[in-house]
């Protein structure tokens, strides 16, 4: 099969797409792929690094009020559709898959207008504007959370879970902690605010460095590239605690998480897929700056089932952060309960389910197997 995949802007859209590609490659190594993203999105670095052929279109997002920007966005969308049609025709795609982000809009829409089978995958409990729009045109809609099915045409929806979970589950990667300067037999806390970082999480951690330095556990603190330099200055002022390692970004996060005891993070859907696949207890601090507050709704799926502690950003400070970490790591029984509760929410067969859904759209005469 010849498959076009599109999605970008954040790792939450990119990594599920790559997980699906890897699943298809296992089943049909002869399949050909083309990933369509934008030049400035995270996908422009992540996808080529994964060895997937990559092409681009230009697109931007809509503002939620009437503006000149939106007029420019409509123009870019129409131009994007035209370029996407050319790419799709030249590649001779059998199917087009969108995983969200603005770039998926013109690409998947172009596929539908060309009569190419298409589907979208929605990672969050509350879908974004792009997938809501595209659901009218695609053949199928796959969702990670059952709650999000209500936003789409009932005859098109299938709950598959997040394919990122399949890529993480069942693997035992080599321990990367020593290469990062961390011990292998010490409880490890990962603190991360997503691919671009999160200033409130950074601030809460930085103001607690004196107390962190005397803890029994070690910390891998992933700042995001935007905040890295500033954070490093603050850590140096605090004397570079020996049990704290700072990194701007981690490319193989699942390998790190496999050897981690606790994570403090936002509540993006792909992150939650990774941590439930591993049964990793979590302290979740949802971003309040996302559409329809969907991160808090994502997080409640875990906290309501005992797999995570949920803290709203406005309630997070150095005292609450360290108190929550201590509560989990000092109590082996609580850690195990959260571990088991998290595993119960995992979707280890998500990529396979999504692959089967996609394969069902391709006409037998078009399959190149």
Foldseek 3Di string as FASTA:
>chain_A
DEEEEEAFQFPLQVLLRVLLVVVVCVVPVVYAYEYEYACPTPCVPLVVVVVHHYDYADADDDDPDDDPVVVVRVVSLVVLLVVLLVVCVVSVHQEYEYAYDGSSQSNLVSCLVVVHAYEYEALFLAGDPRCLVCLVRHQAYEYQDPNHCVSHDVVRYDYQHRSLLQVLAPDADDQCQVVQVADQPFAEEEEAAGQQFDVLSLQQVLVQVVVVLPDRHAYEYAGAPVCQVVSVVSCVVVVVRSRYGYHPDDSPVSSNLLSHAEYEYEQRRSVLQSCLSNLHAYEYAHDCPDPPSRRVVSVCVLVVQLQYHYDYSVRRHNVVVVVVVCVQVVDVVSSVSNSVSSPVSHNNCSSVVVNVVRVVRGDPVPDDD
